[in-house]
C-alpha atoms as a PDB file:
ATOM      1  CA  MET A   1     -33.166 -37.131  65.737  1.00  0.00           C
ATOM      2  CA  ILE A   2     -30.917 -35.456  63.568  1.00  0.00           C
ATOM      3  CA  LYS A   3     -28.584 -37.972  61.076  1.00  0.00           C
ATOM      4  CA  GLU A   4     -25.279 -37.509  60.304  1.00  0.00           C
ATOM      5  CA  ILE A   5     -25.297 -37.045  56.281  1.00  0.00           C
ATOM      6  CA  GLN A   6     -23.152 -40.552  55.052  1.00  0.00           C
ATOM      7  CA  VAL A   7     -21.441 -40.022  51.606  1.00  0.00           C
ATOM      8  CA  ALA A   8     -20.044 -42.541  49.701  1.00  0.00           C
ATOM      9  CA  LYS A   9     -18.321 -43.132  46.115  1.00  0.00           C
ATOM     10  CA  GLY A  10     -21.322 -44.494  43.985  1.00  0.00           C
ATOM     11  CA  ILE A  11     -24.097 -43.032  46.113  1.00  0.00           C
ATOM     12  CA  ARG A  12     -27.660 -42.598  44.335  1.00  0.00           C
ATOM     13  CA  VAL A  13     -29.342 -39.348  44.337  1.00  0.00           C
ATOM     14  CA  SER A  14     -32.330 -40.925  45.808  1.00  0.00           C
ATOM     15  CA  GLU A  15     -30.113 -42.248  48.861  1.00  0.00           C
ATOM     16  CA  LEU A  16     -28.410 -38.737  49.598  1.00  0.00           C
ATOM     17  CA  MET A  17     -32.006 -36.779  49.242  1.00  0.00           C
ATOM     18  CA  GLU A  18     -33.593 -39.567  51.768  1.00  0.00           C
ATOM     19  CA  GLN A  19     -30.511 -38.676  54.043  1.00  0.00           C
ATOM     20  CA  LEU A  20     -31.305 -35.140  53.851  1.00  0.00           C
ATOM     21  CA  ALA A  21     -35.032 -35.485  54.857  1.00  0.00           C
ATOM     22  CA  GLU A  22     -33.708 -36.679  58.307  1.00  0.00           C
ATOM     23  CA  SER A  23     -30.979 -33.459  58.457  1.00  0.00           C
ATOM     24  CA  ALA A  24     -31.818 -30.218  59.103  1.00  0.00           C
ATOM     25  CA  PHE A  25     -32.905 -26.217  57.440  1.00  0.00           C
ATOM     26  CA  ASN A  26     -33.198 -26.453  53.697  1.00  0.00           C
ATOM     27  CA  ALA A  27     -31.515 -30.151  53.020  1.00  0.00           C
ATOM     28  CA  ARG A  28     -34.598 -30.985  54.964  1.00  0.00           C
ATOM     29  CA  ARG A  29     -36.692 -29.252  52.794  1.00  0.00           C
ATOM     30  CA  LEU A  30     -35.481 -30.649  49.693  1.00  0.00           C
ATOM     31  CA  GLY A  31     -35.863 -34.324  50.726  1.00  0.00           C
ATOM     32  CA  GLU A  32     -39.142 -33.553  52.079  1.00  0.00           C
ATOM     33  CA  ALA A  33     -40.250 -31.900  48.944  1.00  0.00           C
ATOM     34  CA  CYS A  34     -38.638 -34.928  46.871  1.00  0.00           C
ATOM     35  CA  ARG A  35     -40.795 -37.301  49.282  1.00  0.00           C
ATOM     36  CA  ILE A  36     -43.762 -35.271  48.439  1.00  0.00           C
ATOM     37  CA  TYR A  37     -43.133 -35.366  44.754  1.00  0.00           C
ATOM     38  CA  ARG A  38     -42.575 -39.150  45.029  1.00  0.00           C
ATOM     39  CA  GLU A  39     -46.417 -39.530  46.647  1.00  0.00           C
ATOM     40  CA  MET A  40     -47.922 -37.330  43.893  1.00  0.00           C
ATOM     41  CA  VAL A  41     -46.323 -39.687  41.172  1.00  0.00           C
ATOM     42  CA  GLU A  42     -47.016 -42.758  42.838  1.00  0.00           C
ATOM     43  CA  ARG A  43     -50.491 -41.666  43.745  1.00  0.00           C
ATOM     44  CA  ASP A  44     -51.301 -40.874  40.269  1.00  0.00           C
ATOM     45  CA  ALA A  45     -51.989 -37.066  41.186  1.00  0.00           C
ATOM     46  CA  PHE A  46     -52.608 -34.794  38.361  1.00  0.00           C
ATOM     47  CA  VAL A  47     -49.536 -32.488  38.654  1.00  0.00           C
ATOM     48  CA  PHE A  48     -49.160 -28.616  37.485  1.00  0.00           C
ATOM     49  CA  PHE A  49     -45.261 -28.027  36.859  1.00  0.00           C
ATOM     50  CA  THR A  50     -45.165 -24.260  36.729  1.00  0.00           C
ATOM     51  CA  LEU A  51     -41.715 -22.738  35.509  1.00  0.00           C
ATOM     52  CA  ALA A  52     -40.561 -19.082  36.009  1.00  0.00           C
ATOM     53  CA  GLY A  53     -37.420 -17.359  35.827  1.00  0.00           C
ATOM     54  CA  ALA A  54     -34.823 -18.265  33.266  1.00  0.00           C
ATOM     55  CA  MET A  55     -34.511 -21.876  33.583  1.00  0.00           C
ATOM     56  CA  ILE A  56     -34.193 -22.766  29.856  1.00  0.00           C
ATOM     57  CA  PRO A  57     -30.994 -20.631  29.504  1.00  0.00           C
ATOM     58  CA  ALA A  58     -29.581 -22.104  32.397  1.00  0.00           C
ATOM     59  CA  GLY A  59     -29.731 -25.800  30.783  1.00  0.00           C
ATOM     60  CA  MET A  60     -32.919 -26.969  32.188  1.00  0.00           C
ATOM     61  CA  ARG A  61     -34.305 -28.093  29.190  1.00  0.00           C
ATOM     62  CA  GLY A  62     -33.430 -31.523  29.327  1.00  0.00           C
ATOM     63  CA  ILE A  63     -34.831 -31.810  32.797  1.00  0.00           C
ATOM     64  CA  VAL A  64     -38.436 -30.326  32.223  1.00  0.00           C
ATOM     65  CA  ASP A  65     -38.490 -32.663  29.133  1.00  0.00           C
ATOM     66  CA  GLY A  66     -37.667 -35.553  31.468  1.00  0.00           C
ATOM     67  CA  PHE A  67     -40.693 -34.702  33.832  1.00  0.00           C
ATOM     68  CA  MET A  68     -42.942 -34.875  30.539  1.00  0.00           C
ATOM     69  CA  LYS A  69     -41.324 -37.836  29.204  1.00  0.00           C
ATOM     70  CA  ASN A  70     -41.144 -40.521  32.323  1.00  0.00           C
ATOM     71  CA  ASP A  71     -45.181 -38.756  33.226  1.00  0.00           C
ATOM     72  CA  PHE A  72     -43.993 -36.965  36.226  1.00  0.00           C
ATOM     73  CA  MET A  73     -46.094 -33.650  35.346  1.00  0.00           C
ATOM     74  CA  SER A  74     -49.685 -33.771  33.644  1.00  0.00           C
ATOM     75  CA  ALA A  75     -49.427 -29.994  32.442  1.00  0.00           C
ATOM     76  CA  LEU A  76     -46.751 -27.313  32.354  1.00  0.00           C
ATOM     77  CA  VAL A  77     -47.416 -23.593  32.885  1.00  0.00           C
ATOM     78  CA  THR A  78     -44.497 -21.421  32.233  1.00  0.00           C
ATOM     79  CA  THR A  79     -43.590 -18.067  30.295  1.00  0.00           C
ATOM     80  CA  GLY A  80     -43.518 -16.830  27.149  1.00  0.00           C
ATOM     81  CA  ALA A  81     -39.933 -15.910  27.432  1.00  0.00           C
ATOM     82  CA  ASN A  82     -38.815 -19.765  28.443  1.00  0.00           C
ATOM     83  CA  ALA A  83     -41.112 -21.019  25.291  1.00  0.00           C
ATOM     84  CA  THR A  84     -39.103 -18.703  23.286  1.00  0.00           C
ATOM     85  CA  HIS A  85     -35.369 -20.166  24.573  1.00  0.00           C
ATOM     86  CA  GLU A  86     -36.779 -23.406  24.096  1.00  0.00           C
ATOM     87  CA  ILE A  87     -37.672 -23.034  20.565  1.00  0.00           C
ATOM     88  CA  ALA A  88     -34.445 -21.282  20.168  1.00  0.00           C
ATOM     89  CA  GLU A  89     -32.839 -24.176  21.265  1.00  0.00           C
ATOM     90  CA  ALA A  90     -34.824 -27.014  19.336  1.00  0.00           C
ATOM     91  CA  LEU A  91     -33.672 -24.877  16.235  1.00  0.00           C
ATOM     92  CA  GLY A  92     -29.981 -25.614  17.115  1.00  0.00           C
ATOM     93  CA  PHE A  93     -28.993 -22.403  18.455  1.00  0.00           C
ATOM     94  CA  ARG A  94     -27.188 -22.448  21.764  1.00  0.00           C
ATOM     95  CA  HIS A  95     -26.645 -20.347  25.172  1.00  0.00           C
ATOM     96  CA  GLU A  96     -23.151 -19.805  26.055  1.00  0.00           C
ATOM     97  CA  MET A  97     -21.288 -19.684  29.258  1.00  0.00           C
ATOM     98  CA  GLY A  98     -20.870 -15.833  30.060  1.00  0.00           C
ATOM     99  CA  ASP A  99     -19.579 -13.510  32.628  1.00  0.00           C
ATOM    100  CA  GLU A 100     -21.850 -11.490  34.936  1.00  0.00           C
ATOM    101  CA  SER A 101     -18.998  -8.919  34.947  1.00  0.00           C
ATOM    102  CA  SER A 102     -18.842  -8.312  31.096  1.00  0.00           C
ATOM    103  CA  ASP A 103     -19.180  -5.110  29.905  1.00  0.00           C
ATOM    104  CA  ASP A 104     -22.716  -4.700  28.399  1.00  0.00           C
ATOM    105  CA  VAL A 105     -22.225  -2.089  25.758  1.00  0.00           C
ATOM    106  CA  GLU A 106     -19.614  -3.900  24.551  1.00  0.00           C
ATOM    107  CA  LEU A 107     -22.114  -6.991  24.317  1.00  0.00           C
ATOM    108  CA  SER A 108     -24.646  -4.979  22.643  1.00  0.00           C
ATOM    109  CA  ARG A 109     -22.374  -3.897  19.626  1.00  0.00           C
ATOM    110  CA  ARG A 110     -21.381  -7.452  19.223  1.00  0.00           C
ATOM    111  CA  ASN A 111     -25.030  -8.446  19.200  1.00  0.00           C
ATOM    112  CA  ILE A 112     -25.149 -10.718  22.373  1.00  0.00           C
ATOM    113  CA  ASN A 113     -27.478 -10.790  24.757  1.00  0.00           C
ATOM    114  CA  ARG A 114     -26.818 -11.640  28.441  1.00  0.00           C
ATOM    115  CA  ILE A 115     -28.974 -13.025  31.132  1.00  0.00           C
ATOM    116  CA  TYR A 116     -26.650 -13.059  34.163  1.00  0.00           C
ATOM    117  CA  ASP A 117     -23.922 -15.231  33.404  1.00  0.00           C
ATOM    118  CA  VAL A 118     -25.294 -16.665  30.157  1.00  0.00           C
ATOM    119  CA  PHE A 119     -24.809 -15.315  26.700  1.00  0.00           C
ATOM    120  CA  ILE A 120     -27.038 -15.781  23.571  1.00  0.00           C
ATOM    121  CA  GLU A 121     -26.708 -14.254  20.198  1.00  0.00           C
ATOM    122  CA  ASN A 122     -29.384 -12.091  18.294  1.00  0.00           C
ATOM    123  CA  GLU A 123     -28.883 -14.606  15.572  1.00  0.00           C
ATOM    124  CA  ALA A 124     -31.275 -17.077  17.735  1.00  0.00           C
ATOM    125  CA  PHE A 125     -34.172 -14.789  18.037  1.00  0.00           C
ATOM    126  CA  GLU A 126     -34.077 -14.036  14.118  1.00  0.00           C
ATOM    127  CA  GLY A 127     -33.966 -17.805  13.955  1.00  0.00           C
ATOM    128  CA  VAL A 128     -36.968 -18.099  16.060  1.00  0.00           C
ATOM    129  CA  GLU A 129     -38.620 -15.260  14.195  1.00  0.00           C
ATOM    130  CA  SER A 130     -37.956 -16.860  10.980  1.00  0.00           C
ATOM    131  CA  PHE A 131     -39.571 -19.979  12.073  1.00  0.00           C
ATOM    132  CA  VAL A 132     -42.408 -18.862  14.164  1.00  0.00           C
ATOM    133  CA  SER A 133     -43.796 -16.130  11.693  1.00  0.00           C
ATOM    134  CA  ASP A 134     -44.322 -18.922   8.893  1.00  0.00           C
ATOM    135  CA  ILE A 135     -46.799 -20.495  11.766  1.00  0.00           C
ATOM    136  CA  PHE A 136     -48.253 -17.985  12.808  1.00  0.00           C
ATOM    137  CA  GLN A 137     -49.316 -16.656   9.408  1.00  0.00           C
ATOM    138  CA  GLU A 138     -50.543 -20.112   8.777  1.00  0.00           C
ATOM    139  CA  LEU A 139     -52.784 -20.360  11.995  1.00  0.00           C
ATOM    140  CA  GLU A 140     -56.188 -18.709  12.335  1.00  0.00           C
ATOM    141  CA  GLY A 141     -58.824 -18.532  14.712  1.00  0.00           C
ATOM    142  CA  GLU A 142     -59.257 -18.521  18.515  1.00  0.00           C
ATOM    143  CA  MET A 143     -56.656 -20.563  20.235  1.00  0.00           C
ATOM    144  CA  ALA A 144     -55.437 -21.337  24.197  1.00  0.00           C
ATOM    145  CA  SER A 145     -51.705 -20.682  24.447  1.00  0.00           C
ATOM    146  CA  TYR A 146     -51.396 -24.296  24.789  1.00  0.00           C
ATOM    147  CA  GLU A 147     -52.683 -25.106  21.439  1.00  0.00           C
ATOM    148  CA  ILE A 148     -50.448 -22.823  19.909  1.00  0.00           C
ATOM    149  CA  MET A 149     -47.958 -24.273  21.677  1.00  0.00           C
ATOM    150  CA  TRP A 150     -48.480 -27.576  20.295  1.00  0.00           C
ATOM    151  CA  GLU A 151     -48.622 -26.478  16.989  1.00  0.00           C
ATOM    152  CA  ILE A 152     -45.046 -24.844  17.518  1.00  0.00           C
ATOM    153  CA  GLY A 153     -44.079 -28.272  18.851  1.00  0.00           C
ATOM    154  CA  LYS A 154     -45.042 -30.377  16.340  1.00  0.00           C
ATOM    155  CA  ARG A 155     -43.198 -28.442  13.698  1.00  0.00           C
ATOM    156  CA  LEU A 156     -39.760 -28.265  15.878  1.00  0.00           C
ATOM    157  CA  PRO A 157     -37.265 -30.486  14.137  1.00  0.00           C
ATOM    158  CA  ASN A 158     -34.998 -31.640  16.795  1.00  0.00           C
ATOM    159  CA  ARG A 159     -36.218 -32.757  20.417  1.00  0.00           C
ATOM    160  CA  SER A 160     -37.705 -30.210  22.472  1.00  0.00           C
ATOM    161  CA  PHE A 161     -40.106 -30.888  25.679  1.00  0.00           C
ATOM    162  CA  LEU A 162     -42.817 -28.351  23.251  1.00  0.00           C
ATOM    163  CA  ARG A 163     -42.455 -31.566  20.823  1.00  0.00           C
ATOM    164  CA  THR A 164     -42.940 -33.960  23.572  1.00  0.00           C
ATOM    165  CA  ALA A 165     -45.766 -31.783  25.048  1.00  0.00           C
ATOM    166  CA  HIS A 166     -47.649 -32.326  21.678  1.00  0.00           C
ATOM    167  CA  GLU A 167     -46.700 -35.992  21.198  1.00  0.00           C
ATOM    168  CA  LYS A 168     -48.436 -36.523  24.451  1.00  0.00           C
ATOM    169  CA  ARG A 169     -50.931 -34.036  24.421  1.00  0.00           C
ATOM    170  CA  ILE A 170     -49.631 -32.335  27.407  1.00  0.00           C
ATOM    171  CA  PRO A 171     -50.767 -28.858  27.708  1.00  0.00           C
ATOM    172  CA  VAL A 172     -48.453 -25.896  27.928  1.00  0.00           C
ATOM    173  CA  PHE A 173     -50.017 -23.104  29.373  1.00  0.00           C
ATOM    174  CA  CYS A 174     -48.139 -19.540  28.789  1.00  0.00           C
ATOM    175  CA  PRO A 175     -50.200 -17.139  30.654  1.00  0.00           C
ATOM    176  CA  THR A 176     -47.524 -14.483  30.007  1.00  0.00           C
ATOM    177  CA  LEU A 177     -47.287 -15.580  26.031  1.00  0.00           C
ATOM    178  CA  HIS A 178     -47.989 -11.762  25.192  1.00  0.00           C
ATOM    179  CA  ASP A 179     -45.035 -10.655  27.702  1.00  0.00           C
ATOM    180  CA  SER A 180     -42.181 -12.023  25.209  1.00  0.00           C
ATOM    181  CA  VAL A 181     -40.574 -11.911  21.796  1.00  0.00           C
ATOM    182  CA  LEU A 182     -42.956 -14.580  20.938  1.00  0.00           C
ATOM    183  CA  GLY A 183     -45.908 -12.418  21.761  1.00  0.00           C
ATOM    184  CA  LEU A 184     -44.238 -10.087  19.502  1.00  0.00           C
ATOM    185  CA  HIS A 185     -43.893 -11.998  16.921  1.00  0.00           C
ATOM    186  CA  LEU A 186     -47.520 -13.208  17.193  1.00  0.00           C
ATOM    187  CA  PHE A 187     -48.496  -9.736  17.371  1.00  0.00           C
ATOM    188  CA  VAL A 188     -46.756  -9.055  13.836  1.00  0.00           C
ATOM    189  CA  TYR A 189     -47.574 -12.170  12.164  1.00  0.00           C
ATOM    190  CA  GLY A 190     -50.540 -13.661  13.280  1.00  0.00           C
ATOM    191  CA  LYS A 191     -53.276 -11.459  11.853  1.00  0.00           C
ATOM    192  CA  ASP A 192     -55.968 -14.267  11.575  1.00  0.00           C
ATOM    193  CA  LEU A 193     -54.777 -15.660  14.883  1.00  0.00           C
ATOM    194  CA  ARG A 194     -56.254 -14.784  18.142  1.00  0.00           C
ATOM    195  CA  TYR A 195     -54.581 -15.618  21.323  1.00  0.00           C
ATOM    196  CA  SER A 196     -57.604 -16.367  23.864  1.00  0.00           C
ATOM    197  CA  PRO A 197     -56.873 -16.141  27.766  1.00  0.00           C
ATOM    198  CA  GLN A 198     -60.117 -17.011  28.381  1.00  0.00           C
ATOM    199  CA  LYS A 199     -59.830 -20.444  26.828  1.00  0.00           C
ATOM    200  CA  ASP A 200     -56.675 -20.861  28.883  1.00  0.00           C
ATOM    201  CA  VAL A 201     -58.745 -20.029  32.210  1.00  0.00           C
ATOM    202  CA  ARG A 202     -61.246 -22.401  31.292  1.00  0.00           C
ATOM    203  CA  THR A 203     -59.343 -25.262  30.744  1.00  0.00           C
ATOM    204  CA  MET A 204     -57.334 -24.834  33.708  1.00  0.00           C
ATOM    205  CA  VAL A 205     -60.478 -24.499  35.872  1.00  0.00           C
ATOM    206  CA  ASP A 206     -61.868 -27.885  33.999  1.00  0.00           C
ATOM    207  CA  LEU A 207     -58.626 -29.781  34.961  1.00  0.00           C
ATOM    208  CA  CYS A 208     -59.040 -28.497  38.624  1.00  0.00           C
ATOM    209  CA  PHE A 209     -62.225 -30.300  39.053  1.00  0.00           C
ATOM    210  CA  GLN A 210     -60.894 -33.606  38.398  1.00  0.00           C
ATOM    211  CA  ASN A 211     -62.212 -36.458  40.532  1.00  0.00           C
ATOM    212  CA  ARG A 212     -58.599 -37.251  41.705  1.00  0.00           C
ATOM    213  CA  LYS A 213     -55.764 -36.179  43.693  1.00  0.00           C
ATOM    214  CA  MET A 214     -54.325 -32.860  42.651  1.00  0.00           C
ATOM    215  CA  GLY A 215     -50.733 -31.542  43.005  1.00  0.00           C
ATOM    216  CA  VAL A 216     -48.877 -28.193  41.815  1.00  0.00           C
ATOM    217  CA  PHE A 217     -45.069 -28.127  41.858  1.00  0.00           C
ATOM    218  CA  ILE A 218     -43.819 -24.640  41.969  1.00  0.00           C
ATOM    219  CA  VAL A 219     -40.332 -23.355  40.246  1.00  0.00           C
ATOM    220  CA  GLY A 220     -39.458 -19.824  41.031  1.00  0.00           C
ATOM    221  CA  GLY A 221     -43.160 -18.406  41.244  1.00  0.00           C
ATOM    222  CA  GLY A 222     -44.051 -15.546  39.267  1.00  0.00           C
ATOM    223  CA  VAL A 223     -47.387 -15.605  37.231  1.00  0.00           C
ATOM    224  CA  PRO A 224     -46.921 -19.326  36.219  1.00  0.00           C
ATOM    225  CA  LYS A 225     -47.600 -19.704  40.005  1.00  0.00           C
ATOM    226  CA  ASN A 226     -50.577 -17.374  40.547  1.00  0.00           C
ATOM    227  CA  PHE A 227     -52.367 -18.252  37.272  1.00  0.00           C
ATOM    228  CA  THR A 228     -51.820 -22.227  38.763  1.00  0.00           C
ATOM    229  CA  LEU A 229     -52.822 -21.732  42.471  1.00  0.00           C
ATOM    230  CA  GLN A 230     -55.938 -19.180  41.371  1.00  0.00           C
ATOM    231  CA  ALA A 231     -57.507 -22.082  38.949  1.00  0.00           C
ATOM    232  CA  MET A 232     -58.496 -24.115  42.020  1.00  0.00           C
ATOM    233  CA  LEU A 233     -60.447 -21.019  43.751  1.00  0.00           C
ATOM    234  CA  LEU A 234     -63.593 -22.775  42.396  1.00  0.00           C
ATOM    235  CA  ALA A 235     -62.475 -26.094  42.902  1.00  0.00           C
ATOM    236  CA  GLU A 236     -61.508 -27.780  46.210  1.00  0.00           C
ATOM    237  CA  GLY A 237     -57.871 -27.184  46.339  1.00  0.00           C
ATOM    238  CA  PHE A 238     -54.557 -28.777  46.080  1.00  0.00           C
ATOM    239  CA  ASP A 239     -53.795 -32.240  48.004  1.00  0.00           C
ATOM    240  CA  TYR A 240     -49.958 -31.498  47.317  1.00  0.00           C
ATOM    241  CA  ALA A 241     -47.824 -28.564  46.611  1.00  0.00           C
ATOM    242  CA  VAL A 242     -44.026 -28.302  46.356  1.00  0.00           C
ATOM    243  CA  GLN A 243     -42.223 -24.804  45.905  1.00  0.00           C
ATOM    244  CA  ILE A 244     -38.513 -23.762  45.163  1.00  0.00           C
ATOM    245  CA  THR A 245     -38.166 -20.217  45.454  1.00  0.00           C
ATOM    246  CA  THR A 246     -35.116 -17.670  46.575  1.00  0.00           C
ATOM    247  CA  ASP A 247     -37.639 -14.927  47.676  1.00  0.00           C
ATOM    248  CA  SER A 248     -39.046 -14.238  51.276  1.00  0.00           C
ATOM    249  CA  PRO A 249     -42.340 -14.016  52.093  1.00  0.00           C
ATOM    250  CA  GLN A 250     -41.868 -10.625  54.287  1.00  0.00           C
ATOM    251  CA  TRP A 251     -41.613  -8.844  51.145  1.00  0.00           C
ATOM    252  CA  GLY A 252     -45.481  -9.239  50.094  1.00  0.00           C
ATOM    253  CA  GLY A 253     -44.378 -10.573  46.612  1.00  0.00           C
ATOM    254  CA  LEU A 254     -46.234 -13.533  45.152  1.00  0.00           C
ATOM    255  CA  SER A 255     -42.783 -15.450  44.429  1.00  0.00           C
ATOM    256  CA  GLY A 256     -42.115 -15.427  48.319  1.00  0.00           C
ATOM    257  CA  ALA A 257     -45.689 -16.150  49.399  1.00  0.00           C
ATOM    258  CA  THR A 258     -45.947 -19.594  51.933  1.00  0.00           C
ATOM    259  CA  LEU A 259     -47.886 -22.115  51.146  1.00  0.00           C
ATOM    260  CA  ASP A 260     -49.753 -21.992  54.264  1.00  0.00           C
ATOM    261  CA  GLU A 261     -50.642 -18.524  52.979  1.00  0.00           C
ATOM    262  CA  ALA A 262     -52.360 -20.081  49.899  1.00  0.00           C
ATOM    263  CA  LYS A 263     -54.485 -22.143  52.392  1.00  0.00           C
ATOM    264  CA  SER A 264     -56.106 -18.994  53.660  1.00  0.00           C
ATOM    265  CA  TRP A 265     -57.439 -18.267  50.176  1.00  0.00           C
ATOM    266  CA  CYS A 266     -58.440 -22.224  49.760  1.00  0.00           C
ATOM    267  CA  LYS A 267     -56.057 -22.601  47.309  1.00  0.00           C
ATOM    268  CA  LEU A 268     -54.491 -25.699  49.315  1.00  0.00           C
ATOM    269  CA  LYS A 269     -56.621 -28.086  51.518  1.00  0.00           C
ATOM    270  CA  GLU A 270     -56.425 -27.622  55.019  1.00  0.00           C
ATOM    271  CA  ARG A 271     -54.077 -30.772  55.172  1.00  0.00           C
ATOM    272  CA  ALA A 272     -52.441 -30.546  51.855  1.00  0.00           C
ATOM    273  CA  LYS A 273     -48.907 -31.822  52.195  1.00  0.00           C
ATOM    274  CA  THR A 274     -46.165 -29.169  51.475  1.00  0.00           C
ATOM    275  CA  ALA A 275     -42.665 -28.091  51.402  1.00  0.00           C
ATOM    276  CA  THR A 276     -40.894 -25.081  50.258  1.00  0.00           C
ATOM    277  CA  VAL A 277     -37.038 -25.108  49.535  1.00  0.00           C
ATOM    278  CA  TYR A 278     -35.415 -21.967  49.601  1.00  0.00           C
ATOM    279  CA  CYS A 279     -32.875 -22.589  46.981  1.00  0.00           C
ATOM    280  CA  ASP A 280     -31.726 -21.689  43.246  1.00  0.00           C
ATOM    281  CA  ALA A 281     -33.662 -23.824  41.221  1.00  0.00           C
ATOM    282  CA  THR A 282     -31.017 -24.810  39.078  1.00  0.00           C
ATOM    283  CA  ILE A 283     -29.881 -26.451  41.747  1.00  0.00           C
ATOM    284  CA  ALA A 284     -32.827 -28.290  43.364  1.00  0.00           C
ATOM    285  CA  LEU A 285     -34.536 -29.057  40.253  1.00  0.00           C
ATOM    286  CA  PRO A 286     -32.083 -31.641  38.786  1.00  0.00           C
ATOM    287  CA  LEU A 287     -31.792 -33.099  42.565  1.00  0.00           C
ATOM    288  CA  ILE A 288     -35.285 -33.609  42.761  1.00  0.00           C
ATOM    289  CA  TYR A 289     -35.543 -34.956  38.847  1.00  0.00           C
ATOM    290  CA  GLY A 290     -32.741 -37.868  39.540  1.00  0.00           C
ATOM    291  CA  TYR A 291     -34.708 -38.369  42.864  1.00  0.00           C
ATOM    292  CA  LEU A 292     -37.772 -39.508  40.866  1.00  0.00           C
ATOM    293  CA  LEU A 293     -35.773 -41.464  38.095  1.00  0.00           C
ATOM    294  CA  ASP A 294     -34.188 -43.597  40.936  1.00  0.00           C
ATOM    295  CA  PHE A 295     -37.971 -44.487  41.595  1.00  0.00           C
ATOM    296  CA  ALA A 296     -39.215 -44.721  38.446  1.00  0.00           C
ATOM    297  CA  LYS A 297     -41.410 -47.654  37.505  1.00  0.00           C
ATOM    298  CA  ASN A 298     -39.362 -48.194  33.980  1.00  0.00           C
ATOM    299  CA  GLU A 299     -35.749 -49.366  34.426  1.00  0.00           C
ATOM    300  CA  LYS A 300     -35.314 -47.814  31.219  1.00  0.00           C
ATOM    301  CA  GLN A 301     -36.243 -44.491  31.907  1.00  0.00           C
ATOM    302  CA  ASN A 302     -34.812 -41.817  29.469  1.00  0.00           C
ATOM    303  CA  THR A 303     -32.634 -38.791  31.043  1.00  0.00           C
ATOM    304  CA  THR A 304     -33.333 -36.693  28.295  1.00  0.00           C
ATOM    305  CA  ASN A 305     -30.083 -35.040  27.956  1.00  0.00           C
ATOM    306  CA  ILE A 306     -30.621 -32.764  24.641  1.00  0.00           C
ATOM    307  CA  THR A 307     -27.655 -32.848  22.680  1.00  0.00           C
ATOM    308  CA  ASP A 308     -29.284 -32.132  19.032  1.00  0.00           C
END
């Protein structure tokens, strides 16, 4: 039976999400996603968190850091672009609220870059280049993307999920590292450093062969989604899968592909628990995180509101 949503002053995120799970449409899907993620955490599943889209420019970096610090994820798979913007923020540069109807030619003349309704100045990328150039010139040999991210994270001066990843030894895979500003800097300055996609794949596959429950949380789809799901082709498949997307499956694109479709490829087990939420990730992601925090075992969990 569909239950009427009851919202009162002081309601907790978890209380609202539990009610949504008894409602309909994408509200129900969001509530179900919260419940599945909670089960993954409580059953100590190894959780791959995949992050595509401009989530860091949109203000989600503290949420990602919180997932790490509270052990809600075991590995992060993201884009080189998100890593680049995270470095910029950790160095003190900021993304600003902008206007999607702005004159982009005028913005270019003012050295401002636009990501829909977010602005960031060229100075930020100059700062990133200055920071990583020394690192890339220092490193040598063959390294996986997560090892490069750890080297960057341990040198960041302020709080960052890359720094947290290094401290907690959480691998941050960037299968699109080359397809980013960071990748360009690696090409220019990393003369003695060889990025090894093979090492990334080997580590991903090894992680998929663990004798424990396996889960995946997919934010936005893209390469991080496929890179993670394909690693299961040689293993037994994921036990849990939660997906947040705004894409539809009928266009044939990966980001809109259903989780049931992944079962045909044996990337998910036949009886895997799944939920797909058709929603802007900047809405759904903080709500899922808030839900998990309410159920966290440690009452002193850090909300990781990054202000450095």
